């Protein structure tokens, strides 16, 4: 009994500490951001441009750049990931399916800087030959899609594998073809888990820094097309935090606070979708 009580207390303390980390980070960012927000007002961070020397700190160009790249990457990776997961579960031979999943897991562990290096040395020159300058929204979308694709595959594969086998056997007994089982039974049942995984990867895409910094050109401007260079919020923090002082430094903390709030919102949607049923 004492051992069980000790384990319970230890687990509760560990869970409390893990949750408190997020609260401390949120408190720190809010504390650092409040003075400049009170001075300039919230609207000042979404109007004008990013000119720290002139006291203008509009985050709109970086925010739109982050959203365009993250949404584009997830829109590209999600259908591919679901198709790959379906192939691994229903069409690939057993041995090939295991090898396939192992390769996907290996891809998910590759450091982001490696993807960025590939994008900088292979993808950007290829886009340059097509439409200069090469470093662009499109390069960021493709590199980020390659990064999140393995994780989308793994989450979709897990959601599909959790569909009760009895459901599938019952559908087979009724004479449904394999694609009919997938389309009418498996996907509707697995959809909450798939959507939840996609939303979580959206948060990952939104917070990516190094790979995006290497291939997007880092020009502070509104994203007016796929072939235009942009700068994301994360890249802006990484590039300018080393020399930022005074209100410029505080504006970067506000960027971090905005990213954190968007991530919390996305994770909340993911948890909401996970508990829903569409079938």
Protein backbone atom coordinates (compact mmCIF):
# COMPACT_ATOMS: atom_id res chain seq x y z
CA UNK A 1 0.00 0.00 0.00
CA UNK A 2 2.82 2.39 0.85
CA UNK A 3 4.44 1.68 -2.52
CA UNK A 4 1.18 2.39 -4.37
CA UNK A 5 0.68 5.62 -2.44
CA UNK A 6 4.26 6.69 -3.17
CA UNK A 7 3.81 5.98 -6.87
CA UNK A 8 0.54 7.93 -6.97
CA UNK A 9 2.06 10.93 -5.22
CA UNK A 10 5.12 10.82 -7.50
CA UNK A 11 2.95 10.73 -10.61
CA UNK A 12 0.81 13.63 -9.40
CA UNK A 13 3.89 15.72 -8.57
CA UNK A 14 5.46 14.93 -11.96
CA UNK A 15 2.25 15.87 -13.77
CA UNK A 16 2.00 19.10 -11.78
CA UNK A 17 5.61 20.01 -12.58
CA UNK A 18 5.11 19.30 -16.28
CA UNK A 19 2.01 21.49 -16.39
CA UNK A 20 3.68 24.24 -14.37
CA UNK A 21 6.46 24.57 -16.97
CA UNK A 22 3.93 25.84 -19.52
CA UNK A 23 2.42 28.21 -16.98
CA UNK A 24 5.84 29.60 -16.05
CA UNK A 25 6.72 30.14 -19.72
CA UNK A 26 3.38 31.87 -20.30
CA UNK A 27 3.88 34.04 -17.20
CA UNK A 28 7.40 34.96 -18.28
CA UNK A 29 6.32 35.97 -21.80
CA UNK A 30 3.34 37.96 -20.52
CA UNK A 31 5.49 39.74 -17.93
CA UNK A 32 8.06 40.70 -20.57
CA UNK A 33 5.43 41.77 -23.13
CA UNK A 34 3.00 43.80 -21.02
CA UNK A 35 5.06 47.05 -20.77
CA UNK A 36 5.30 47.58 -24.53
CA UNK A 37 1.70 46.48 -25.11
CA UNK A 38 0.52 49.08 -22.59
CA UNK A 39 2.69 51.74 -24.22
CA UNK A 40 1.81 51.14 -27.88
CA UNK A 41 -1.47 49.25 -27.69
CA UNK A 42 -2.28 45.91 -29.30
CA UNK A 43 -3.13 47.48 -32.67
CA UNK A 44 0.41 48.79 -33.12
CA UNK A 45 1.66 45.22 -33.62
CA UNK A 46 -0.63 44.63 -36.59
CA UNK A 47 -0.29 47.95 -38.44
CA UNK A 48 2.54 49.52 -40.40
CA UNK A 49 5.80 47.62 -40.85
CA UNK A 50 8.67 46.06 -38.94
CA UNK A 51 11.12 48.93 -38.45
CA UNK A 52 12.62 48.54 -34.96
CA UNK A 53 14.92 51.58 -35.31
CA UNK A 54 11.87 53.76 -36.01
CA UNK A 55 9.78 52.17 -33.26
CA UNK A 56 7.43 50.26 -35.59
CA UNK A 57 6.85 46.64 -34.65
CA UNK A 58 4.13 45.27 -36.90
CA UNK A 59 4.09 41.48 -36.74
CA UNK A 60 1.62 41.09 -39.60
CA UNK A 61 4.17 40.24 -42.36
CA UNK A 62 5.84 37.56 -40.21
CA UNK A 63 2.51 36.25 -38.91
CA UNK A 64 1.08 35.84 -42.41
CA UNK A 65 4.34 34.29 -43.60
CA UNK A 66 4.19 31.75 -40.77
CA UNK A 67 0.54 30.93 -41.44
CA UNK A 68 0.94 30.63 -45.21
CA UNK A 69 3.89 28.27 -44.93
CA UNK A 70 2.40 26.17 -42.11
CA UNK A 71 -1.03 25.84 -43.74
CA UNK A 72 0.50 25.09 -47.14
CA UNK A 73 2.80 22.44 -45.68
CA UNK A 74 0.00 20.71 -43.77
CA UNK A 75 -2.33 20.89 -46.78
CA UNK A 76 0.36 19.17 -48.85
CA UNK A 77 1.45 16.62 -46.24
CA UNK A 78 -1.94 15.57 -44.82
CA UNK A 79 -3.44 13.85 -47.93
CA UNK A 80 -0.11 12.18 -48.72
CA UNK A 81 0.27 11.01 -45.14
CA UNK A 82 -3.22 9.51 -45.03
CA UNK A 83 -2.67 7.70 -48.35
CA UNK A 84 0.67 6.30 -47.15
CA UNK A 85 -0.90 5.14 -43.88
CA UNK A 86 -3.74 3.40 -45.76
CA UNK A 87 -1.22 1.70 -48.03
CA UNK A 88 0.81 0.45 -45.08
CA UNK A 89 -2.27 -0.90 -43.28
CA UNK A 90 -4.28 -2.46 -46.12
CA UNK A 91 -2.21 -2.89 -49.28
CA UNK A 92 1.42 -3.49 -48.35
CA UNK A 93 2.56 -7.05 -47.55
CA UNK A 94 3.11 -7.66 -43.83
CA UNK A 95 6.92 -7.65 -44.01
CA UNK A 96 7.02 -4.67 -46.36
CA UNK A 97 4.60 -2.80 -44.11
CA UNK A 98 6.88 -3.26 -41.09
CA UNK A 99 9.93 -2.09 -43.06
CA UNK A 100 7.89 0.80 -44.43
CA UNK A 101 6.86 1.97 -40.95
CA UNK A 102 10.44 1.66 -39.74
CA UNK A 103 11.62 3.91 -42.56
CA UNK A 104 8.92 6.46 -41.79
CA UNK A 105 9.94 6.47 -38.11
CA UNK A 106 13.54 7.02 -39.18
CA UNK A 107 12.50 9.96 -41.37
CA UNK A 108 10.66 11.53 -38.43
CA UNK A 109 13.90 11.58 -36.43
CA UNK A 110 16.02 13.48 -38.98
CA UNK A 111 17.09 16.88 -37.57
CA UNK A 112 15.34 19.88 -39.10
CA UNK A 113 18.65 21.47 -40.10
CA UNK A 114 19.28 18.51 -42.44
CA UNK A 115 15.98 19.16 -44.20
CA UNK A 116 16.91 22.83 -44.38
CA UNK A 117 20.31 21.99 -45.85
CA UNK A 118 18.67 19.80 -48.49
CA UNK A 119 16.25 22.60 -49.30
CA UNK A 120 19.03 25.18 -49.54
CA UNK A 121 21.32 23.10 -51.77
CA UNK A 122 18.80 21.18 -53.91
CA UNK A 123 15.34 22.70 -53.79
CA UNK A 124 16.19 26.41 -53.83
CA UNK A 125 18.50 26.14 -56.93
CA UNK A 126 15.79 24.13 -58.70
CA UNK A 127 13.16 26.80 -57.98
CA UNK A 128 15.69 29.52 -58.99
CA UNK A 129 15.99 27.95 -62.44
CA UNK A 130 12.22 28.12 -62.70
CA UNK A 131 11.35 31.44 -61.00
CA UNK A 132 14.10 33.44 -59.20
CA UNK A 133 15.12 34.06 -56.45
CA UNK A 134 14.35 30.52 -55.24
CA UNK A 135 14.20 31.29 -51.53
CA UNK A 136 10.46 31.67 -51.19
CA UNK A 137 7.16 30.64 -49.66
CA UNK A 138 7.09 27.61 -51.96
CA UNK A 139 10.50 26.41 -50.77
CA UNK A 140 9.35 26.76 -47.16
CA UNK A 141 6.14 24.84 -47.85
CA UNK A 142 7.91 21.94 -49.54
CA UNK A 143 10.64 21.62 -46.92
CA UNK A 144 8.16 21.85 -44.06
CA UNK A 145 5.82 19.36 -45.74
CA UNK A 146 8.70 16.88 -45.96
CA UNK A 147 9.38 17.42 -42.27
CA UNK A 148 5.82 16.88 -41.01
CA UNK A 149 4.89 14.13 -43.50
CA UNK A 150 6.43 11.24 -41.49
CA UNK A 151 4.65 12.36 -38.32
CA UNK A 152 1.35 12.69 -40.17
CA UNK A 153 1.85 9.16 -41.50
CA UNK A 154 2.57 7.79 -38.01
CA UNK A 155 -0.43 9.49 -36.39
CA UNK A 156 -2.75 8.43 -39.21
CA UNK A 157 -1.35 4.88 -39.08
CA UNK A 158 -1.95 4.76 -35.33
CA UNK A 159 -5.52 6.05 -35.68
CA UNK A 160 -6.30 3.51 -38.42
CA UNK A 161 -4.75 0.62 -36.49
CA UNK A 162 -6.97 1.49 -33.49
CA UNK A 163 -10.14 0.80 -35.48
CA UNK A 164 -11.60 -2.37 -33.87
CA UNK A 165 -10.84 -5.45 -35.95
CA UNK A 166 -14.37 -6.69 -35.29
CA UNK A 167 -15.72 -3.78 -37.34
CA UNK A 168 -13.57 -4.76 -40.29
CA UNK A 169 -14.39 -8.47 -40.02
CA UNK A 170 -18.11 -7.65 -39.87
CA UNK A 171 -17.82 -5.50 -43.00
CA UNK A 172 -15.97 -8.29 -44.79
CA UNK A 173 -18.68 -10.74 -43.78
CA UNK A 174 -21.23 -8.42 -45.39
CA UNK A 175 -19.30 -8.60 -48.66
CA UNK A 176 -17.85 -5.07 -48.75
CA UNK A 177 -14.81 -4.64 -50.98
CA UNK A 178 -11.53 -3.49 -49.47
CA UNK A 179 -11.87 0.10 -50.67
CA UNK A 180 -15.48 0.18 -49.48
CA UNK A 181 -14.33 -0.90 -46.01
CA UNK A 182 -11.65 1.79 -45.99
CA UNK A 183 -13.90 4.57 -47.30
CA UNK A 184 -17.14 3.78 -45.48
CA UNK A 185 -15.86 2.30 -42.23
CA UNK A 186 -12.20 2.78 -41.39
CA UNK A 187 -11.76 6.44 -42.34
CA UNK A 188 -14.92 7.69 -40.57
CA UNK A 189 -14.00 5.81 -37.38
CA UNK A 190 -10.34 6.88 -37.50
CA UNK A 191 -11.07 10.45 -38.60
CA UNK A 192 -10.98 12.07 -35.11
CA UNK A 193 -7.52 10.63 -34.43
CA UNK A 194 -6.29 11.57 -37.91
CA UNK A 195 -7.55 15.15 -37.62
CA UNK A 196 -6.12 15.44 -34.11
CA UNK A 197 -2.71 14.33 -35.39
CA UNK A 198 -2.87 16.76 -38.30
CA UNK A 199 -3.68 19.65 -35.94
CA UNK A 200 -0.76 18.72 -33.69
CA UNK A 201 1.55 18.70 -36.69
CA UNK A 202 0.17 22.12 -37.62
CA UNK A 203 1.49 23.36 -34.29
CA UNK A 204 4.84 21.75 -35.06
CA UNK A 205 4.89 23.39 -38.49
CA UNK A 206 4.04 26.78 -37.02
CA UNK A 207 6.94 26.59 -34.58
CA UNK A 208 9.66 25.35 -36.94
CA UNK A 209 12.67 27.66 -37.16
CA UNK A 210 15.96 26.50 -38.62
CA UNK A 211 14.83 24.77 -41.82
CA UNK A 212 12.44 27.62 -42.66
CA UNK A 213 15.10 30.22 -41.91
CA UNK A 214 17.41 28.58 -44.45
CA UNK A 215 15.04 28.50 -47.44
CA UNK A 216 12.57 31.39 -47.23
CA UNK A 217 14.86 34.38 -47.85
CA UNK A 218 13.99 36.17 -44.58
CA UNK A 219 12.65 39.34 -46.18
CA UNK A 220 10.10 41.17 -44.01
CA UNK A 221 7.22 41.65 -46.44
CA UNK A 222 3.67 40.46 -46.96
CA UNK A 223 3.57 37.10 -48.75
CA UNK A 224 2.25 38.15 -52.15
CA UNK A 225 2.91 34.87 -53.95
CA UNK A 226 4.43 31.43 -53.73
CA UNK A 227 7.71 32.60 -55.25
CA UNK A 228 8.26 35.61 -53.00
CA UNK A 229 10.70 35.53 -50.06
CA UNK A 230 9.21 35.99 -46.59
CA UNK A 231 10.20 35.87 -42.94
CA UNK A 232 8.37 33.89 -40.26
CA UNK A 233 7.88 34.78 -36.62
CA UNK A 234 10.26 32.07 -35.45
CA UNK A 235 12.96 33.07 -37.93
CA UNK A 236 12.59 36.71 -36.89
CA UNK A 237 13.19 35.83 -33.24
CA UNK A 238 16.21 33.67 -34.09
CA UNK A 239 17.76 36.34 -36.33
CA UNK A 240 17.25 39.42 -34.15
CA UNK A 241 17.27 38.31 -30.52
CA UNK A 242 21.09 38.36 -30.35
CA UNK A 243 21.30 42.13 -30.82
CA UNK A 244 17.82 43.36 -29.87
CA UNK A 245 17.61 45.81 -26.95
CA UNK A 246 14.92 47.79 -25.15
CA UNK A 247 11.55 47.89 -26.95
CA UNK A 248 12.93 45.89 -29.88
CA UNK A 249 13.72 43.02 -27.50
CA UNK A 250 10.27 43.27 -25.92
CA UNK A 251 8.64 43.11 -29.36
CA UNK A 252 10.39 39.78 -29.93
CA UNK A 253 8.96 38.49 -26.67
CA UNK A 254 5.53 39.54 -27.94
CA UNK A 255 6.23 37.46 -31.06
CA UNK A 256 6.96 34.47 -28.82
CA UNK A 257 3.78 35.09 -26.83
CA UNK A 258 1.73 35.21 -30.04
CA UNK A 259 3.28 31.91 -31.19
CA UNK A 260 2.57 30.27 -27.84
CA UNK A 261 -1.07 31.39 -27.84
CA UNK A 262 -1.57 30.13 -31.40
CA UNK A 263 -0.01 26.78 -30.48
CA UNK A 264 -2.24 26.45 -27.41
CA UNK A 265 -5.26 27.18 -29.61
CA UNK A 266 -4.23 24.54 -32.15
CA UNK A 267 -3.57 21.92 -29.46
CA UNK A 268 -6.96 22.68 -27.90
CA UNK A 269 -8.64 22.05 -31.25
CA UNK A 270 -6.66 18.79 -31.59
CA UNK A 271 -7.92 17.56 -28.20
CA UNK A 272 -11.46 18.59 -29.08
CA UNK A 273 -11.36 16.68 -32.37
CA UNK A 274 -9.87 13.62 -30.70
CA UNK A 275 -12.96 13.26 -28.54
CA UNK A 276 -15.43 13.64 -31.42
CA UNK A 277 -17.04 10.89 -33.43
CA UNK A 278 -17.85 11.32 -37.13
CA UNK A 279 -19.09 7.84 -37.80
